[in-house]
Amino acid sequence: MFAQLGRRYLSVSYIILSFTVLLAAAVEAADPRAGTVTWPANTEKVAVKLTPPVKTSYSVAVMPFVPKLGGYSPTSVCTYFGTATKTPDYFVVYHRRCCDGVLIKLDETCQLDWIVAEHTQ
């Protein structure tokens, strides 16, 4: 039980750290963008449209918000949210299992906060 709880907090800590580091970079970026997208239940990925499209390469950080801790995952093992597809017009965020990267569907709707920082060089 403590191992599962530890993995969950480690995953959340990683996301918070990533979000904090990227937020600092976004402050210096030429065109920082941020927003929230609704992630529907029973889906393992969600696309975020960027309007207008970005002009350079960019970094993304995401942070899910649900009313209860861990309420979005139907499994008791470690899971994470990560981006895999990035284009100038959109990026896709996936929900995966930590141990093997298998896609996991959310068991309830959540809000996903995101921030994009365009690279200046």
C-alpha atoms as a PDB file:
ATOM      1  CA  MET A   1       0.000   0.000   0.000  1.00  0.00           C
ATOM      2  CA  PHE A   2       2.748   2.445   0.924  1.00  0.00           C
ATOM      3  CA  ALA A   3       4.660   1.578  -2.275  1.00  0.00           C
ATOM      4  CA  GLN A   4       1.616   2.423  -4.422  1.00  0.00           C
ATOM      5  CA  LEU A   5       1.006   5.616  -2.479  1.00  0.00           C
ATOM      6  CA  GLY A   6       4.689   6.541  -2.833  1.00  0.00           C
ATOM      7  CA  ARG A   7       4.621   6.007  -6.600  1.00  0.00           C
ATOM      8  CA  ARG A   8       1.494   8.147  -6.917  1.00  0.00           C
ATOM      9  CA  TYR A   9       3.082  10.995  -4.938  1.00  0.00           C
ATOM     10  CA  LEU A  10       6.318  10.621  -6.926  1.00  0.00           C
ATOM     11  CA  SER A  11       4.329  10.955 -10.151  1.00  0.00           C
ATOM     12  CA  VAL A  12       2.478  14.020  -8.850  1.00  0.00           C
ATOM     13  CA  SER A  13       5.752  15.520  -7.598  1.00  0.00           C
ATOM     14  CA  TYR A  14       7.321  15.037 -11.036  1.00  0.00           C
ATOM     15  CA  ILE A  15       4.407  16.804 -12.715  1.00  0.00           C
ATOM     16  CA  ILE A  16       4.531  19.710 -10.261  1.00  0.00           C
ATOM     17  CA  LEU A  17       8.295  20.055 -10.703  1.00  0.00           C
ATOM     18  CA  SER A  18       7.958  19.981 -14.508  1.00  0.00           C
ATOM     19  CA  PHE A  19       5.180  22.551 -14.417  1.00  0.00           C
ATOM     20  CA  THR A  20       7.218  24.836 -12.135  1.00  0.00           C
ATOM     21  CA  VAL A  21      10.350  24.656 -14.294  1.00  0.00           C
ATOM     22  CA  LEU A  22       8.428  25.242 -17.514  1.00  0.00           C
ATOM     23  CA  LEU A  23       6.474  28.111 -15.965  1.00  0.00           C
ATOM     24  CA  ALA A  24       9.746  29.899 -15.192  1.00  0.00           C
ATOM     25  CA  ALA A  25      10.887  29.337 -18.785  1.00  0.00           C
ATOM     26  CA  ALA A  26       7.550  30.596 -20.128  1.00  0.00           C
ATOM     27  CA  VAL A  27       7.960  33.902 -18.338  1.00  0.00           C
ATOM     28  CA  GLU A  28      11.056  34.514 -20.461  1.00  0.00           C
ATOM     29  CA  ALA A  29       9.552  33.064 -23.647  1.00  0.00           C
ATOM     30  CA  ALA A  30       8.447  35.269 -26.495  1.00  0.00           C
ATOM     31  CA  ASP A  31       4.826  34.098 -26.521  1.00  0.00           C
ATOM     32  CA  PRO A  32       3.836  32.058 -23.460  1.00  0.00           C
ATOM     33  CA  ARG A  33       0.444  30.393 -23.651  1.00  0.00           C
ATOM     34  CA  ALA A  34      -1.613  28.520 -21.110  1.00  0.00           C
ATOM     35  CA  GLY A  35      -5.095  27.134 -20.764  1.00  0.00           C
ATOM     36  CA  THR A  36      -7.372  24.368 -19.582  1.00  0.00           C
ATOM     37  CA  VAL A  37      -8.938  21.570 -21.585  1.00  0.00           C
ATOM     38  CA  THR A  38     -11.641  19.141 -20.432  1.00  0.00           C
ATOM     39  CA  TRP A  39     -10.498  15.522 -20.631  1.00  0.00           C
ATOM     40  CA  PRO A  40     -13.560  13.273 -21.053  1.00  0.00           C
ATOM     41  CA  ALA A  41     -13.964  10.039 -19.107  1.00  0.00           C
ATOM     42  CA  ASN A  42     -13.233   6.748 -20.937  1.00  0.00           C
ATOM     43  CA  THR A  43     -10.492   8.251 -23.121  1.00  0.00           C
ATOM     44  CA  GLU A  44      -6.725   7.779 -22.887  1.00  0.00           C
ATOM     45  CA  LYS A  45      -5.683  10.931 -24.770  1.00  0.00           C
ATOM     46  CA  VAL A  46      -6.801  14.465 -25.503  1.00  0.00           C
ATOM     47  CA  ALA A  47      -5.727  16.986 -28.153  1.00  0.00           C
ATOM     48  CA  VAL A  48      -5.119  20.648 -27.341  1.00  0.00           C
ATOM     49  CA  LYS A  49      -5.519  23.098 -30.240  1.00  0.00           C
ATOM     50  CA  LEU A  50      -3.123  26.046 -30.398  1.00  0.00           C
ATOM     51  CA  THR A  51      -4.634  29.197 -31.898  1.00  0.00           C
ATOM     52  CA  PRO A  52      -2.839  30.874 -33.515  1.00  0.00           C
ATOM     53  CA  PRO A  53      -0.297  28.143 -34.342  1.00  0.00           C
ATOM     54  CA  VAL A  54       3.168  28.412 -32.801  1.00  0.00           C
ATOM     55  CA  LYS A  55       5.978  29.611 -35.068  1.00  0.00           C
ATOM     56  CA  THR A  56       8.914  27.771 -33.463  1.00  0.00           C
ATOM     57  CA  SER A  57       9.581  24.601 -31.529  1.00  0.00           C
ATOM     58  CA  TYR A  58       8.042  24.569 -28.051  1.00  0.00           C
ATOM     59  CA  SER A  59       7.854  22.805 -24.708  1.00  0.00           C
ATOM     60  CA  VAL A  60       4.678  21.730 -22.927  1.00  0.00           C
ATOM     61  CA  ALA A  61       3.840  21.032 -19.293  1.00  0.00           C
ATOM     62  CA  VAL A  62       0.515  19.628 -18.131  1.00  0.00           C
ATOM     63  CA  MET A  63      -1.213  19.266 -14.777  1.00  0.00           C
ATOM     64  CA  PRO A  64      -4.510  17.408 -14.241  1.00  0.00           C
ATOM     65  CA  PHE A  65      -7.091  18.682 -11.775  1.00  0.00           C
ATOM     66  CA  VAL A  66      -9.687  16.352 -10.283  1.00  0.00           C
ATOM     67  CA  PRO A  67     -11.785  16.851  -7.149  1.00  0.00           C
ATOM     68  CA  LYS A  68     -10.193  13.876  -5.386  1.00  0.00           C
ATOM     69  CA  LEU A  69      -6.550  12.731  -5.457  1.00  0.00           C
ATOM     70  CA  GLY A  70      -6.080   9.981  -8.020  1.00  0.00           C
ATOM     71  CA  GLY A  71      -9.751  10.016  -8.949  1.00  0.00           C
ATOM     72  CA  TYR A  72      -8.988   9.968 -12.682  1.00  0.00           C
ATOM     73  CA  SER A  73      -7.249   6.585 -12.870  1.00  0.00           C
ATOM     74  CA  PRO A  74      -9.007   3.209 -12.811  1.00  0.00           C
ATOM     75  CA  THR A  75      -5.790   1.457 -11.739  1.00  0.00           C
ATOM     76  CA  SER A  76      -3.911   1.507  -8.438  1.00  0.00           C
ATOM     77  CA  VAL A  77      -0.466   1.490 -10.073  1.00  0.00           C
ATOM     78  CA  CYS A  78       1.595   4.543 -10.998  1.00  0.00           C
ATOM     79  CA  THR A  79       0.356   6.510 -14.019  1.00  0.00           C
ATOM     80  CA  TYR A  80       1.466   9.737 -15.660  1.00  0.00           C
ATOM     81  CA  PHE A  81       0.373  12.325 -18.205  1.00  0.00           C
ATOM     82  CA  GLY A  82       2.771  13.097 -21.039  1.00  0.00           C
ATOM     83  CA  THR A  83       2.878  14.674 -24.465  1.00  0.00           C
ATOM     84  CA  ALA A  84       3.879  12.643 -27.493  1.00  0.00           C
ATOM     85  CA  THR A  85       2.571  14.488 -30.528  1.00  0.00           C
ATOM     86  CA  LYS A  86       3.429  18.161 -31.058  1.00  0.00           C
ATOM     87  CA  THR A  87       2.681  20.166 -34.207  1.00  0.00           C
ATOM     88  CA  PRO A  88       2.437  23.934 -34.736  1.00  0.00           C
ATOM     89  CA  ASP A  89      -1.388  23.632 -34.489  1.00  0.00           C
ATOM     90  CA  TYR A  90      -1.903  21.222 -31.580  1.00  0.00           C
ATOM     91  CA  PHE A  91      -0.378  18.774 -29.132  1.00  0.00           C
ATOM     92  CA  VAL A  92      -1.713  15.489 -27.739  1.00  0.00           C
ATOM     93  CA  VAL A  93      -1.507  14.433 -24.102  1.00  0.00           C
ATOM     94  CA  TYR A  94      -1.612  10.757 -23.148  1.00  0.00           C
ATOM     95  CA  HIS A  95      -2.366   9.003 -19.846  1.00  0.00           C
ATOM     96  CA  ARG A  96       0.021   6.047 -19.437  1.00  0.00           C
ATOM     97  CA  ARG A  97       1.043   3.428 -16.911  1.00  0.00           C
ATOM     98  CA  CYS A  98       4.538   4.135 -15.502  1.00  0.00           C
ATOM     99  CA  CYS A  99       5.921   0.599 -15.648  1.00  0.00           C
ATOM    100  CA  ASP A 100       5.302  -0.116 -19.345  1.00  0.00           C
ATOM    101  CA  GLY A 101       3.748   2.948 -21.027  1.00  0.00           C
ATOM    102  CA  VAL A 102       0.414   1.255 -21.772  1.00  0.00           C
ATOM    103  CA  LEU A 103      -2.364   3.780 -22.430  1.00  0.00           C
ATOM    104  CA  ILE A 104      -4.917   3.988 -19.587  1.00  0.00           C
ATOM    105  CA  LYS A 105      -8.410   5.469 -20.019  1.00  0.00           C
ATOM    106  CA  LEU A 106      -9.578   7.953 -17.376  1.00  0.00           C
ATOM    107  CA  ASP A 107     -12.471   6.740 -15.274  1.00  0.00           C
ATOM    108  CA  GLU A 108     -13.895  10.227 -14.761  1.00  0.00           C
ATOM    109  CA  THR A 109     -13.704  13.590 -16.480  1.00  0.00           C
ATOM    110  CA  CYS A 110     -10.898  15.897 -15.386  1.00  0.00           C
ATOM    111  CA  GLN A 111      -9.597  19.342 -16.218  1.00  0.00           C
ATOM    112  CA  LEU A 112      -6.098  19.460 -17.666  1.00  0.00           C
ATOM    113  CA  ASP A 113      -4.139  22.687 -17.195  1.00  0.00           C
ATOM    114  CA  TRP A 114      -1.376  23.240 -19.732  1.00  0.00           C
ATOM    115  CA  ILE A 115       1.315  25.741 -20.554  1.00  0.00           C
ATOM    116  CA  VAL A 116       3.338  26.115 -23.753  1.00  0.00           C
ATOM    117  CA  ALA A 117       6.656  27.942 -23.991  1.00  0.00           C
ATOM    118  CA  GLU A 118       8.054  28.624 -27.449  1.00  0.00           C
ATOM    119  CA  HIS A 119      11.789  28.279 -27.782  1.00  0.00           C
ATOM    120  CA  THR A 120      13.446  31.583 -28.569  1.00  0.00           C
ATOM    121  CA  GLN A 121      16.509  30.059 -30.257  1.00  0.00           C
END
